[in-house]
Amino acid sequence: MSDWLIYGIGFLAQALFSGRLILQWILSEKNKRIITPSLFWKLSLLASFLLFVYGYLRDDFAIMLGQSLTYFIYIRNLQLQGEWQKSPIIFRLFLLIFPVIIVIYGYNNGAYDVYELFNNVDIPSWLLWLGVVAQVVFTFRFIYQWIYSEKTKTSQLPIGFWRLSVLGASLILTYAIFRRDPVLFVGHAAGMVIYIRNIFIGKKEDNEGA
């Protein structure tokens, strides 16, 4: 597959990720509080699907790991909002088993193995581990959000989510610079402004509610 097509998939995924943030940001600015529309999670799921494919095509374990960890949290949030159940069952089943199919295909087809994933000649060991740590930190924001939402039984994006977003995005930007990955760099650089803005909106909301 050509590099242009691979990067096209990656940039489309990041455009969808950016689109969800812009939508969430505009609604939050309008309502003067942090809003979490269902479209945010729908775009997240579609973008995650595409970025997982991008990571697979680039043999980038860090990207695949990050998307694998958040993929099902997006689905859970759609369930909490009652949107997941509205989708056709065939579509839901496909989204649920897609990551598993990719992994099984990769191993059975000999496309990669554990050694290859952790010994990519284009990614030195220190950079790979930086990418893994960055993805884990960035992903933890959704684990935090998921736990918070399960407690309240509502899909929300608390202020802690945005703080972890800033920390994780900073690490991923560092990884992207050394990895020379324009897809990761553009996506996370654009998101950083919105992450910081949501922290201020969340603080103002908390102060007004106090």
C-alpha atoms as a PDB file:
ATOM      1  CA  MET A   1       0.000   0.000   0.000  1.00  0.00           C
ATOM      2  CA  SER A   2       1.318   3.466  -0.915  1.00  0.00           C
ATOM      3  CA  ASP A   3       2.515   5.861   1.763  1.00  0.00           C
ATOM      4  CA  TRP A   4       0.057   8.475   0.482  1.00  0.00           C
ATOM      5  CA  LEU A   5      -2.898   6.191   1.171  1.00  0.00           C
ATOM      6  CA  ILE A   6      -1.570   5.204   4.603  1.00  0.00           C
ATOM      7  CA  TYR A   7      -1.025   8.838   5.602  1.00  0.00           C
ATOM      8  CA  GLY A   8      -4.427   9.689   4.120  1.00  0.00           C
ATOM      9  CA  ILE A   9      -6.077   7.219   6.492  1.00  0.00           C
ATOM     10  CA  GLY A  10      -4.121   8.683   9.410  1.00  0.00           C
ATOM     11  CA  PHE A  11      -4.962  12.283   8.580  1.00  0.00           C
ATOM     12  CA  LEU A  12      -8.644  11.420   8.094  1.00  0.00           C
ATOM     13  CA  ALA A  13      -8.656   9.818  11.558  1.00  0.00           C
ATOM     14  CA  GLN A  14      -7.036  12.900  13.097  1.00  0.00           C
ATOM     15  CA  ALA A  15      -9.475  15.175  11.238  1.00  0.00           C
ATOM     16  CA  LEU A  16     -12.352  13.270  12.831  1.00  0.00           C
ATOM     17  CA  PHE A  17     -10.693  13.461  16.264  1.00  0.00           C
ATOM     18  CA  SER A  18     -10.233  17.203  15.783  1.00  0.00           C
ATOM     19  CA  GLY A  19     -13.805  17.559  14.555  1.00  0.00           C
ATOM     20  CA  ARG A  20     -15.201  15.970  17.714  1.00  0.00           C
ATOM     21  CA  LEU A  21     -13.125  18.333  19.871  1.00  0.00           C
ATOM     22  CA  ILE A  22     -14.181  21.420  17.918  1.00  0.00           C
ATOM     23  CA  LEU A  23     -17.833  20.367  18.200  1.00  0.00           C
ATOM     24  CA  GLN A  24     -17.486  19.744  21.945  1.00  0.00           C
ATOM     25  CA  TRP A  25     -15.618  23.023  22.432  1.00  0.00           C
ATOM     26  CA  ILE A  26     -18.200  25.121  20.545  1.00  0.00           C
ATOM     27  CA  LEU A  27     -21.081  23.583  22.501  1.00  0.00           C
ATOM     28  CA  SER A  28     -19.224  24.072  25.780  1.00  0.00           C
ATOM     29  CA  GLU A  29     -18.453  27.718  25.016  1.00  0.00           C
ATOM     30  CA  LYS A  30     -22.093  28.276  24.073  1.00  0.00           C
ATOM     31  CA  ASN A  31     -23.440  26.676  27.255  1.00  0.00           C
ATOM     32  CA  LYS A  32     -20.650  27.961  29.546  1.00  0.00           C
ATOM     33  CA  ARG A  33     -20.092  24.446  30.839  1.00  0.00           C
ATOM     34  CA  ILE A  34     -18.457  21.229  29.594  1.00  0.00           C
ATOM     35  CA  ILE A  35     -20.842  19.479  27.194  1.00  0.00           C
ATOM     36  CA  THR A  36     -20.495  15.875  25.966  1.00  0.00           C
ATOM     37  CA  PRO A  37     -22.704  15.336  22.877  1.00  0.00           C
ATOM     38  CA  SER A  38     -23.283  11.819  21.550  1.00  0.00           C
ATOM     39  CA  LEU A  39     -21.668  12.869  18.253  1.00  0.00           C
ATOM     40  CA  PHE A  40     -18.408  13.295  20.200  1.00  0.00           C
ATOM     41  CA  TRP A  41     -18.371   9.556  20.919  1.00  0.00           C
ATOM     42  CA  LYS A  42     -19.539   8.559  17.435  1.00  0.00           C
ATOM     43  CA  LEU A  43     -16.723  10.523  15.805  1.00  0.00           C
ATOM     44  CA  SER A  44     -14.299   9.144  18.414  1.00  0.00           C
ATOM     45  CA  LEU A  45     -15.229   5.571  17.546  1.00  0.00           C
ATOM     46  CA  LEU A  46     -14.915   6.108  13.789  1.00  0.00           C
ATOM     47  CA  ALA A  47     -11.602   7.955  14.186  1.00  0.00           C
ATOM     48  CA  SER A  48     -10.255   5.256  16.503  1.00  0.00           C
ATOM     49  CA  PHE A  49     -11.202   2.621  13.935  1.00  0.00           C
ATOM     50  CA  LEU A  50      -9.219   4.442  11.247  1.00  0.00           C
ATOM     51  CA  LEU A  51      -6.222   5.251  13.458  1.00  0.00           C
ATOM     52  CA  PHE A  52      -5.986   1.613  14.525  1.00  0.00           C
ATOM     53  CA  VAL A  53      -5.764   0.695  10.826  1.00  0.00           C
ATOM     54  CA  TYR A  54      -3.146   3.430  10.342  1.00  0.00           C
ATOM     55  CA  GLY A  55      -1.064   2.071  13.231  1.00  0.00           C
ATOM     56  CA  TYR A  56      -1.350  -1.446  11.832  1.00  0.00           C
ATOM     57  CA  LEU A  57      -0.216  -0.334   8.366  1.00  0.00           C
ATOM     58  CA  ARG A  58       2.769   1.500   9.882  1.00  0.00           C
ATOM     59  CA  ASP A  59       3.678  -1.369  12.230  1.00  0.00           C
ATOM     60  CA  ASP A  60       3.443   1.126  15.083  1.00  0.00           C
ATOM     61  CA  PHE A  61       2.677  -0.731  18.305  1.00  0.00           C
ATOM     62  CA  ALA A  62       2.241   2.464  20.362  1.00  0.00           C
ATOM     63  CA  ILE A  63      -0.579   3.721  18.126  1.00  0.00           C
ATOM     64  CA  MET A  64      -2.333   0.331  18.033  1.00  0.00           C
ATOM     65  CA  LEU A  65      -2.076   0.031  21.820  1.00  0.00           C
ATOM     66  CA  GLY A  66      -3.582   3.460  22.401  1.00  0.00           C
ATOM     67  CA  GLN A  67      -6.556   2.835  20.135  1.00  0.00           C
ATOM     68  CA  SER A  68      -7.174  -0.661  21.508  1.00  0.00           C
ATOM     69  CA  LEU A  69      -7.438   0.708  25.043  1.00  0.00           C
ATOM     70  CA  THR A  70      -9.921   3.479  24.204  1.00  0.00           C
ATOM     71  CA  TYR A  71     -11.982   1.827  21.468  1.00  0.00           C
ATOM     72  CA  PHE A  72     -14.352   0.000  23.799  1.00  0.00           C
ATOM     73  CA  ILE A  73     -14.625   2.965  26.180  1.00  0.00           C
ATOM     74  CA  TYR A  74     -16.098   4.963  23.302  1.00  0.00           C
ATOM     75  CA  ILE A  75     -18.644   2.191  22.811  1.00  0.00           C
ATOM     76  CA  ARG A  76     -19.465   2.152  26.526  1.00  0.00           C
ATOM     77  CA  ASN A  77     -20.131   5.900  26.514  1.00  0.00           C
ATOM     78  CA  LEU A  78     -22.507   5.484  23.584  1.00  0.00           C
ATOM     79  CA  GLN A  79     -24.265   2.785  25.624  1.00  0.00           C
ATOM     80  CA  LEU A  80     -24.595   5.176  28.584  1.00  0.00           C
ATOM     81  CA  GLN A  81     -26.141   7.757  26.276  1.00  0.00           C
ATOM     82  CA  GLY A  82     -28.508   5.171  24.772  1.00  0.00           C
ATOM     83  CA  GLU A  83     -27.082   5.690  21.273  1.00  0.00           C
ATOM     84  CA  TRP A  84     -25.235   2.388  20.804  1.00  0.00           C
ATOM     85  CA  GLN A  85     -28.441   0.370  21.011  1.00  0.00           C
ATOM     86  CA  LYS A  86     -29.939   2.369  18.138  1.00  0.00           C
ATOM     87  CA  SER A  87     -27.327   1.146  15.632  1.00  0.00           C
ATOM     88  CA  PRO A  88     -27.999  -1.965  13.474  1.00  0.00           C
ATOM     89  CA  ILE A  89     -26.816  -5.133  15.210  1.00  0.00           C
ATOM     90  CA  ILE A  90     -24.620  -6.128  12.243  1.00  0.00           C
ATOM     91  CA  PHE A  91     -22.823  -2.793  12.463  1.00  0.00           C
ATOM     92  CA  ARG A  92     -22.343  -3.173  16.217  1.00  0.00           C
ATOM     93  CA  LEU A  93     -20.972  -6.687  15.875  1.00  0.00           C
ATOM     94  CA  PHE A  94     -18.526  -5.581  13.186  1.00  0.00           C
ATOM     95  CA  LEU A  95     -17.173  -2.768  15.356  1.00  0.00           C
ATOM     96  CA  LEU A  96     -16.845  -5.073  18.361  1.00  0.00           C
ATOM     97  CA  ILE A  97     -14.882  -7.799  16.589  1.00  0.00           C
ATOM     98  CA  PHE A  98     -12.874  -5.659  14.138  1.00  0.00           C
ATOM     99  CA  PRO A  99      -9.789  -5.129  16.375  1.00  0.00           C
ATOM    100  CA  VAL A 100      -9.723  -8.842  17.182  1.00  0.00           C
ATOM    101  CA  ILE A 101      -9.911  -9.750  13.482  1.00  0.00           C
ATOM    102  CA  ILE A 102      -7.000  -7.440  12.655  1.00  0.00           C
ATOM    103  CA  VAL A 103      -4.816  -8.944  15.384  1.00  0.00           C
ATOM    104  CA  ILE A 104      -5.662 -12.541  14.407  1.00  0.00           C
ATOM    105  CA  TYR A 105      -5.065 -11.788  10.728  1.00  0.00           C
ATOM    106  CA  GLY A 106      -1.749 -10.153  11.490  1.00  0.00           C
ATOM    107  CA  TYR A 107      -0.459 -13.137  13.416  1.00  0.00           C
ATOM    108  CA  ASN A 108      -1.852 -15.865  11.178  1.00  0.00           C
ATOM    109  CA  ASN A 109      -0.713 -14.124   8.010  1.00  0.00           C
ATOM    110  CA  GLY A 110       2.743 -13.629   9.417  1.00  0.00           C
ATOM    111  CA  ALA A 111       2.406  -9.879   8.969  1.00  0.00           C
ATOM    112  CA  TYR A 112       3.931  -9.260  12.369  1.00  0.00           C
ATOM    113  CA  ASP A 113       4.856 -10.961  15.602  1.00  0.00           C
ATOM    114  CA  VAL A 114       5.709  -9.766  19.086  1.00  0.00           C
ATOM    115  CA  TYR A 115       9.398  -9.453  18.227  1.00  0.00           C
ATOM    116  CA  GLU A 116       8.674  -7.337  15.152  1.00  0.00           C
ATOM    117  CA  LEU A 117       6.312  -5.052  17.049  1.00  0.00           C
ATOM    118  CA  PHE A 118       8.933  -4.287  19.672  1.00  0.00           C
ATOM    119  CA  ASN A 119      11.902  -4.221  17.278  1.00  0.00           C
ATOM    120  CA  ASN A 120      10.854  -1.939  14.456  1.00  0.00           C
ATOM    121  CA  VAL A 121      14.093  -0.713  12.834  1.00  0.00           C
ATOM    122  CA  ASP A 122      12.522   2.724  12.386  1.00  0.00           C
ATOM    123  CA  ILE A 123      11.747   3.061  16.103  1.00  0.00           C
ATOM    124  CA  PRO A 124      14.635   2.736  18.613  1.00  0.00           C
ATOM    125  CA  SER A 125      13.758   1.082  21.912  1.00  0.00           C
ATOM    126  CA  TRP A 126      13.796   4.309  23.953  1.00  0.00           C
ATOM    127  CA  LEU A 127      11.442   5.968  21.468  1.00  0.00           C
ATOM    128  CA  LEU A 128       9.111   2.968  21.411  1.00  0.00           C
ATOM    129  CA  TRP A 129       8.821   3.061  25.190  1.00  0.00           C
ATOM    130  CA  LEU A 130       8.266   6.813  25.128  1.00  0.00           C
ATOM    131  CA  GLY A 131       5.422   6.183  22.681  1.00  0.00           C
ATOM    132  CA  VAL A 132       3.960   3.429  24.842  1.00  0.00           C
ATOM    133  CA  VAL A 133       4.117   5.564  28.008  1.00  0.00           C
ATOM    134  CA  ALA A 134       2.628   8.525  26.118  1.00  0.00           C
ATOM    135  CA  GLN A 135      -0.256   6.422  24.798  1.00  0.00           C
ATOM    136  CA  VAL A 136      -0.915   4.877  28.212  1.00  0.00           C
ATOM    137  CA  VAL A 137      -1.034   8.308  29.899  1.00  0.00           C
ATOM    138  CA  PHE A 138      -3.202   9.721  27.114  1.00  0.00           C
ATOM    139  CA  THR A 139      -5.460   6.671  27.257  1.00  0.00           C
ATOM    140  CA  PHE A 140      -5.760   6.828  31.045  1.00  0.00           C
ATOM    141  CA  ARG A 141      -7.834   9.993  30.615  1.00  0.00           C
ATOM    142  CA  PHE A 142     -10.584   7.842  29.116  1.00  0.00           C
ATOM    143  CA  ILE A 143     -10.234   5.210  31.822  1.00  0.00           C
ATOM    144  CA  TYR A 144     -10.644   8.031  34.353  1.00  0.00           C
ATOM    145  CA  GLN A 145     -13.615   9.370  32.363  1.00  0.00           C
ATOM    146  CA  TRP A 146     -15.153   5.890  32.141  1.00  0.00           C
ATOM    147  CA  ILE A 147     -14.900   5.281  35.909  1.00  0.00           C
ATOM    148  CA  TYR A 148     -16.321   8.757  36.579  1.00  0.00           C
ATOM    149  CA  SER A 149     -19.205   8.158  34.161  1.00  0.00           C
ATOM    150  CA  GLU A 150     -19.960   4.713  35.584  1.00  0.00           C
ATOM    151  CA  LYS A 151     -20.271   6.257  39.053  1.00  0.00           C
ATOM    152  CA  THR A 152     -22.675   8.931  37.846  1.00  0.00           C
ATOM    153  CA  LYS A 153     -24.360   6.694  35.222  1.00  0.00           C
ATOM    154  CA  THR A 154     -23.989   9.562  32.757  1.00  0.00           C
ATOM    155  CA  SER A 155     -21.459  10.201  30.015  1.00  0.00           C
ATOM    156  CA  GLN A 156     -19.357  13.175  31.123  1.00  0.00           C
ATOM    157  CA  LEU A 157     -15.937  14.736  30.492  1.00  0.00           C
ATOM    158  CA  PRO A 158     -14.736  15.910  33.950  1.00  0.00           C
ATOM    159  CA  ILE A 159     -11.948  18.455  34.384  1.00  0.00           C
ATOM    160  CA  GLY A 160      -9.474  15.691  35.295  1.00  0.00           C
ATOM    161  CA  PHE A 161      -9.987  14.284  31.798  1.00  0.00           C
ATOM    162  CA  TRP A 162      -8.703  17.509  30.241  1.00  0.00           C
ATOM    163  CA  ARG A 163      -5.703  17.731  32.566  1.00  0.00           C
ATOM    164  CA  LEU A 164      -4.652  14.204  31.618  1.00  0.00           C
ATOM    165  CA  SER A 165      -5.260  15.152  27.971  1.00  0.00           C
ATOM    166  CA  VAL A 166      -2.699  17.964  28.214  1.00  0.00           C
ATOM    167  CA  LEU A 167      -0.106  15.708  29.872  1.00  0.00           C
ATOM    168  CA  GLY A 168      -0.643  12.825  27.448  1.00  0.00           C
ATOM    169  CA  ALA A 169      -0.717  15.044  24.365  1.00  0.00           C
ATOM    170  CA  SER A 170       2.560  16.695  25.423  1.00  0.00           C
ATOM    171  CA  LEU A 171       4.242  13.281  25.587  1.00  0.00           C
ATOM    172  CA  ILE A 172       2.749  12.173  22.253  1.00  0.00           C
ATOM    173  CA  LEU A 173       3.903  15.407  20.593  1.00  0.00           C
ATOM    174  CA  THR A 174       7.431  14.645  21.797  1.00  0.00           C
ATOM    175  CA  TYR A 175       7.120  11.117  20.381  1.00  0.00           C
ATOM    176  CA  ALA A 176       5.744  12.461  17.094  1.00  0.00           C
ATOM    177  CA  ILE A 177       8.684  14.860  16.675  1.00  0.00           C
ATOM    178  CA  PHE A 178      11.293  12.118  17.130  1.00  0.00           C
ATOM    179  CA  ARG A 179       9.213   9.608  15.127  1.00  0.00           C
ATOM    180  CA  ARG A 180       8.716  12.216  12.386  1.00  0.00           C
ATOM    181  CA  ASP A 181       5.034  11.381  12.280  1.00  0.00           C
ATOM    182  CA  PRO A 182       3.046  14.314  10.828  1.00  0.00           C
ATOM    183  CA  VAL A 183      -0.291  12.616  11.551  1.00  0.00           C
ATOM    184  CA  LEU A 184       0.310  12.451  15.311  1.00  0.00           C
ATOM    185  CA  PHE A 185       1.917  15.889  15.446  1.00  0.00           C
ATOM    186  CA  VAL A 186      -0.844  17.771  13.613  1.00  0.00           C
ATOM    187  CA  GLY A 187      -3.642  15.990  15.481  1.00  0.00           C
ATOM    188  CA  HIS A 188      -2.295  16.549  18.983  1.00  0.00           C
ATOM    189  CA  ALA A 189      -0.955  20.054  18.402  1.00  0.00           C
ATOM    190  CA  ALA A 190      -4.417  21.140  17.269  1.00  0.00           C
ATOM    191  CA  GLY A 191      -6.091  19.448  20.238  1.00  0.00           C
ATOM    192  CA  MET A 192      -3.839  21.005  22.874  1.00  0.00           C
ATOM    193  CA  VAL A 193      -5.545  24.417  22.640  1.00  0.00           C
ATOM    194  CA  ILE A 194      -8.996  22.885  23.199  1.00  0.00           C
ATOM    195  CA  TYR A 195      -7.765  20.741  26.106  1.00  0.00           C
ATOM    196  CA  ILE A 196      -6.430  23.820  27.889  1.00  0.00           C
ATOM    197  CA  ARG A 197      -9.570  25.833  27.141  1.00  0.00           C
ATOM    198  CA  ASN A 198     -11.790  23.102  28.609  1.00  0.00           C
ATOM    199  CA  ILE A 199      -9.758  23.195  31.828  1.00  0.00           C
ATOM    200  CA  PHE A 200     -10.611  26.887  32.199  1.00  0.00           C
ATOM    201  CA  ILE A 201     -14.282  26.245  31.370  1.00  0.00           C
ATOM    202  CA  GLY A 202     -14.388  23.420  33.920  1.00  0.00           C
ATOM    203  CA  LYS A 203     -12.762  25.563  36.620  1.00  0.00           C
ATOM    204  CA  LYS A 204     -15.226  28.384  35.999  1.00  0.00           C
ATOM    205  CA  GLU A 205     -18.127  25.922  36.119  1.00  0.00           C
ATOM    206  CA  ASP A 206     -16.890  24.502  39.444  1.00  0.00           C
ATOM    207  CA  ASN A 207     -16.451  27.983  40.926  1.00  0.00           C
ATOM    208  CA  GLU A 208     -19.959  29.023  39.911  1.00  0.00           C
ATOM    209  CA  GLY A 209     -21.397  25.820  41.376  1.00  0.00           C
ATOM    210  CA  ALA A 210     -19.558  26.259  44.675  1.00  0.00           C
END
